[in-house]
Amino acid sequence: MHFVSISKPWLDIIMVKEENKMKQIKMKKLSGQIRVITGLHIGAGSDVIEIGGMDNPVIKNPVTDEPYIPGSSLKGKMRSLMEWYLDRLMPSEGEKRKPGEPCTCGECDVCRVFGTSAAVDVENIEHFHGPTRLIVRDAHLSPESREKFEKENIPLIEEKHENSINRITAKANPRPMERVVPGTTFQFEIVYRVIDTGDDGATDERLFDEVVLKALALLEQDFLGGGGSRGNGKIRFENLTNESGQPVQLPEV
């Protein structure tokens, strides 16, 4: 048995998997742009709200003050959609989670691609498949959008005002919300590990198409960020290419 110098719990996992093989053999990459179709709101929160200030701002790069899409928001939404699609909302027997919480089984296709929480005791998972395969980068403002909005002196962010109406008194309770304006594009990149677990990486190659690309297609049909049921967050992936520069088409869903 070959021992690898690595800290627990991965040492035990690699020792167990040695006879079946667990070796990274490829890094796939998908690049392109995310186009905002309807106003996008990914909230930043606000610890202090000044009088007349915005209590629901979008998240911004602290250096450039430009809006961006956190990789965690993209990955979390992709995972959520695939858990719905693959019927992983309800816990399996022995899983210590409530219905609707992220899957923690460590064995299904969702866990294989998106990973499991650090709190999960992976040493007790019989068919654990190793670390997350999917890495999702933060999506920053594209140079094209930056140049366009600066040249035309158009704001990147709009204020949308929503009202909650009391059904009896008809009194309105207005609340402003910041949104990235339609037409804005962001640079998009994900990286995907292909690991040989005794099948020359065939399972991970298959799941890239069946889980990752399908999750992106589902996201185009759903919404990203907050207020999706009220018109926010419709996006489209454009100019997608793989690590070789070849165009990639999302599947129909």
Protein backbone atom coordinates (compact mmCIF):
# COMPACT_ATOMS: atom_id res chain seq x y z
CA MET A 1 0.00 0.00 0.00
CA HIS A 2 1.33 3.42 -0.97
CA PHE A 3 1.12 6.10 1.74
CA VAL A 4 0.64 9.76 0.92
CA SER A 5 1.76 12.56 3.24
CA ILE A 6 -1.50 14.33 3.92
CA SER A 7 -3.51 15.29 6.97
CA LYS A 8 -6.58 13.46 8.24
CA PRO A 9 -9.30 12.68 7.30
CA TRP A 10 -7.99 12.51 3.74
CA LEU A 11 -5.11 10.20 4.72
CA ASP A 12 -7.50 7.43 5.75
CA ILE A 13 -9.67 7.96 2.67
CA ILE A 14 -6.73 7.76 0.27
CA MET A 15 -5.41 4.64 2.03
CA VAL A 16 -8.79 2.97 1.68
CA LYS A 17 -9.14 4.05 -1.94
CA GLU A 18 -5.59 3.11 -2.95
CA GLU A 19 -6.54 -0.31 -4.24
CA ASN A 20 -9.40 1.19 -6.29
CA LYS A 21 -7.37 4.22 -7.35
CA MET A 22 -8.11 7.90 -6.73
CA LYS A 23 -6.00 10.08 -8.96
CA GLN A 24 -6.72 13.41 -10.61
CA ILE A 25 -6.11 13.00 -14.33
CA LYS A 26 -7.60 16.12 -15.91
CA MET A 27 -8.87 19.64 -15.26
CA LYS A 28 -11.76 20.63 -17.51
CA LYS A 29 -12.59 24.32 -17.90
CA LEU A 30 -15.68 26.17 -19.08
CA SER A 31 -15.46 29.90 -19.81
CA GLY A 32 -17.85 32.48 -21.18
CA GLN A 33 -20.11 35.30 -20.08
CA ILE A 34 -23.23 35.71 -18.00
CA ARG A 35 -25.69 38.19 -19.46
CA VAL A 36 -28.25 39.82 -17.17
CA ILE A 37 -31.67 39.63 -18.83
CA THR A 38 -33.77 41.07 -15.99
CA GLY A 39 -32.44 43.12 -13.06
CA LEU A 40 -30.11 41.04 -10.89
CA HIS A 41 -30.05 41.34 -7.10
CA ILE A 42 -27.43 39.44 -5.09
CA GLY A 43 -27.52 41.13 -1.72
CA ALA A 44 -24.57 42.35 0.29
CA GLY A 45 -26.36 43.13 3.54
CA SER A 46 -25.88 46.36 5.40
CA ASP A 47 -24.70 46.68 8.98
CA VAL A 48 -25.50 50.38 9.14
CA ILE A 49 -28.40 52.05 7.33
CA GLU A 50 -28.25 55.82 7.09
CA ILE A 51 -31.40 57.94 6.95
CA GLY A 52 -32.55 57.84 3.35
CA GLY A 53 -29.92 55.18 2.58
CA MET A 54 -30.28 51.87 0.74
CA ASP A 55 -31.10 48.94 3.04
CA ASN A 56 -30.93 46.30 0.31
CA PRO A 57 -27.75 46.89 -1.75
CA VAL A 58 -26.14 44.49 -4.22
CA ILE A 59 -22.75 43.00 -3.44
CA LYS A 60 -19.82 44.98 -4.86
CA ASN A 61 -16.09 44.52 -5.28
CA PRO A 62 -14.55 46.48 -2.37
CA VAL A 63 -11.66 47.64 -4.57
CA THR A 64 -13.51 48.75 -7.72
CA ASP A 65 -17.00 49.27 -6.24
CA GLU A 66 -18.37 47.34 -9.23
CA PRO A 67 -21.05 44.67 -8.83
CA TYR A 68 -19.98 41.05 -9.24
CA ILE A 69 -21.49 37.57 -8.92
CA PRO A 70 -19.91 35.49 -6.12
CA GLY A 71 -18.90 31.98 -7.13
CA SER A 72 -20.67 30.74 -4.00
CA SER A 73 -23.98 32.15 -5.27
CA LEU A 74 -23.60 30.42 -8.63
CA LYS A 75 -22.47 27.10 -7.18
CA GLY A 76 -25.12 27.10 -4.46
CA LYS A 77 -27.90 27.77 -6.97
CA MET A 78 -26.59 25.09 -9.35
CA ARG A 79 -26.48 22.56 -6.53
CA SER A 80 -29.97 23.46 -5.31
CA LEU A 81 -31.44 23.03 -8.79
CA MET A 82 -29.77 19.64 -9.26
CA GLU A 83 -30.95 18.41 -5.86
CA TRP A 84 -34.49 19.21 -7.01
CA TYR A 85 -33.88 17.63 -10.42
CA LEU A 86 -32.28 14.43 -9.04
CA ASP A 87 -34.72 14.01 -6.12
CA ARG A 88 -32.17 14.67 -3.35
CA LEU A 89 -34.35 16.95 -1.18
CA MET A 90 -35.31 14.28 1.32
CA PRO A 91 -32.61 12.72 3.54
CA SER A 92 -31.52 9.15 2.90
CA GLU A 93 -31.65 6.60 5.68
CA GLY A 94 -28.99 7.49 8.24
CA GLU A 95 -28.49 11.05 6.99
CA LYS A 96 -28.52 13.64 9.76
CA ARG A 97 -30.26 16.48 7.95
CA LYS A 98 -33.71 17.94 7.70
CA PRO A 99 -35.80 17.77 4.50
CA GLY A 100 -34.73 20.52 2.14
CA GLU A 101 -31.25 20.96 3.59
CA PRO A 102 -28.28 20.29 1.26
CA CYS A 103 -27.56 16.61 0.67
CA THR A 104 -24.82 15.21 2.92
CA CYS A 105 -24.81 11.55 1.87
CA GLY A 106 -21.37 11.87 0.26
CA GLU A 107 -22.24 9.16 -2.27
CA CYS A 108 -24.76 10.57 -4.79
CA ASP A 109 -23.94 12.39 -8.03
CA VAL A 110 -24.71 15.77 -6.43
CA CYS A 111 -22.24 15.21 -3.57
CA ARG A 112 -19.63 13.83 -5.97
CA VAL A 113 -19.76 16.95 -8.17
CA PHE A 114 -20.46 19.70 -5.61
CA GLY A 115 -18.79 18.22 -2.54
CA THR A 116 -19.95 17.78 1.05
CA SER A 117 -19.82 20.04 4.08
CA ALA A 118 -16.69 20.01 6.21
CA ALA A 119 -18.93 19.02 9.10
CA VAL A 120 -19.79 15.68 7.44
CA ASP A 121 -17.91 12.69 8.86
CA VAL A 122 -16.62 11.35 5.54
CA GLU A 123 -14.63 8.58 7.24
CA ASN A 124 -17.90 6.78 7.93
CA ILE A 125 -19.21 7.03 4.35
CA GLU A 126 -18.82 3.66 2.67
CA HIS A 127 -18.67 4.86 -0.94
CA PHE A 128 -17.20 8.33 -0.51
CA HIS A 129 -16.02 9.71 -3.87
CA GLY A 130 -13.43 12.24 -2.69
CA PRO A 131 -13.29 16.06 -2.83
CA THR A 132 -15.59 18.38 -4.79
CA ARG A 133 -15.07 18.22 -8.52
CA LEU A 134 -16.46 21.68 -9.27
CA ILE A 135 -14.72 25.01 -8.72
CA VAL A 136 -16.78 28.12 -9.54
CA ARG A 137 -14.92 31.44 -9.84
CA ASP A 138 -16.34 34.83 -8.90
CA ALA A 139 -17.84 36.43 -12.01
CA HIS A 140 -16.51 39.98 -12.40
CA LEU A 141 -17.78 42.72 -14.68
CA SER A 142 -16.74 42.15 -18.29
CA PRO A 143 -14.45 44.70 -19.97
CA GLU A 144 -17.12 45.21 -22.64
CA SER A 145 -19.75 46.21 -20.09
CA ARG A 146 -17.32 48.42 -18.19
CA GLU A 147 -16.37 50.27 -21.36
CA LYS A 148 -19.97 50.58 -22.56
CA PHE A 149 -21.38 51.97 -19.31
CA GLU A 150 -18.47 54.35 -18.81
CA LYS A 151 -18.62 55.61 -22.41
CA GLU A 152 -22.38 56.12 -22.41
CA ASN A 153 -22.44 57.33 -18.79
CA ILE A 154 -25.14 54.80 -17.89
CA PRO A 155 -25.36 53.54 -14.29
CA LEU A 156 -24.69 49.85 -13.73
CA ILE A 157 -27.11 49.74 -10.81
CA GLU A 158 -30.74 50.78 -10.60
CA GLU A 159 -33.10 51.20 -7.66
CA LYS A 160 -36.25 49.16 -7.84
CA HIS A 161 -39.00 50.10 -5.40
CA GLU A 162 -41.36 47.38 -4.22
CA ASN A 163 -44.46 47.71 -2.07
CA SER A 164 -46.07 45.42 0.44
CA ILE A 165 -49.77 46.28 0.64
CA ASN A 166 -51.86 45.77 3.78
CA ARG A 167 -54.95 43.90 2.54
CA ILE A 168 -57.28 45.68 4.98
CA THR A 169 -55.97 49.24 5.22
CA ALA A 170 -54.42 49.31 1.72
CA LYS A 171 -51.39 51.00 3.30
CA ALA A 172 -48.22 50.56 1.30
CA ASN A 173 -44.91 49.64 2.86
CA PRO A 174 -42.30 50.60 0.22
CA ARG A 175 -38.83 49.09 0.19
CA PRO A 176 -36.07 49.96 -2.30
CA MET A 177 -33.81 47.32 -3.79
CA GLU A 178 -30.63 47.67 -5.84
CA ARG A 179 -30.37 45.66 -9.06
CA VAL A 180 -27.72 45.26 -11.73
CA VAL A 181 -29.34 46.58 -14.91
CA PRO A 182 -30.29 44.31 -17.83
CA GLY A 183 -27.69 43.96 -20.56
CA THR A 184 -24.74 43.83 -18.15
CA THR A 185 -22.30 40.96 -18.73
CA PHE A 186 -19.94 39.22 -16.33
CA GLN A 187 -16.93 37.01 -16.99
CA PHE A 188 -17.75 33.37 -16.18
CA GLU A 189 -15.36 30.49 -15.45
CA ILE A 190 -15.64 27.09 -13.82
CA VAL A 191 -13.02 24.38 -13.40
CA TYR A 192 -13.88 20.70 -13.05
CA ARG A 193 -11.63 17.96 -11.71
CA VAL A 194 -11.73 14.57 -13.41
CA ILE A 195 -10.59 11.92 -10.94
CA ASP A 196 -9.80 8.32 -11.82
CA THR A 197 -11.49 6.11 -9.22
CA GLY A 198 -10.81 2.91 -11.12
CA ASP A 199 -12.74 3.86 -14.27
CA ASP A 200 -10.18 6.09 -16.02
CA GLY A 201 -12.30 9.11 -15.08
CA ALA A 202 -15.34 7.97 -17.10
CA THR A 203 -17.83 8.72 -14.31
CA ASP A 204 -16.60 12.27 -13.78
CA GLU A 205 -16.58 12.90 -17.54
CA ARG A 206 -20.20 11.74 -17.73
CA LEU A 207 -21.27 13.83 -14.74
CA PHE A 208 -19.79 16.98 -16.28
CA ASP A 209 -22.43 16.70 -18.99
CA GLU A 210 -25.24 15.24 -16.89
CA VAL A 211 -24.85 17.43 -13.80
CA VAL A 212 -22.72 20.52 -14.46
CA LEU A 213 -23.98 21.48 -17.91
CA LYS A 214 -27.53 20.51 -16.98
CA ALA A 215 -27.36 22.68 -13.85
CA LEU A 216 -26.36 25.67 -16.00
CA ALA A 217 -29.25 24.97 -18.38
CA LEU A 218 -31.68 24.73 -15.47
CA LEU A 219 -30.34 28.02 -14.08
CA GLU A 220 -31.15 29.78 -17.35
CA GLN A 221 -34.76 28.61 -16.92
CA ASP A 222 -34.88 29.62 -13.24
CA PHE A 223 -33.32 32.71 -11.63
CA LEU A 224 -30.20 33.84 -9.81
CA GLY A 225 -30.17 35.95 -6.66
CA GLY A 226 -33.17 37.36 -4.82
CA GLY A 227 -36.68 38.26 -5.90
CA GLY A 228 -36.82 35.76 -8.75
CA SER A 229 -40.56 35.20 -8.41
CA ARG A 230 -41.02 38.99 -8.81
CA GLY A 231 -39.10 39.35 -12.05
CA ASN A 232 -35.48 39.50 -10.91
CA GLY A 233 -32.53 37.33 -11.82
CA LYS A 234 -33.09 35.93 -15.30
CA ILE A 235 -29.69 35.32 -16.88
CA ARG A 236 -28.20 33.71 -19.98
CA PHE A 237 -24.84 32.02 -20.52
CA GLU A 238 -23.10 33.16 -23.70
CA ASN A 239 -20.00 32.29 -25.73
CA LEU A 240 -19.23 29.17 -23.71
CA THR A 241 -15.98 27.43 -24.61
CA ASN A 242 -14.01 24.54 -23.13
CA GLU A 243 -10.34 24.38 -22.18
CA SER A 244 -9.43 23.87 -25.86
CA GLY A 245 -11.40 26.90 -27.02
CA GLN A 246 -14.12 24.76 -28.61
CA PRO A 247 -17.74 26.02 -28.29
CA VAL A 248 -19.96 24.29 -25.75
CA GLN A 249 -23.74 24.00 -26.03
CA LEU A 250 -25.94 23.60 -22.96
CA PRO A 251 -28.42 20.70 -23.08
CA GLU A 252 -32.14 21.20 -23.42
CA VAL A 253 -34.12 20.80 -20.18
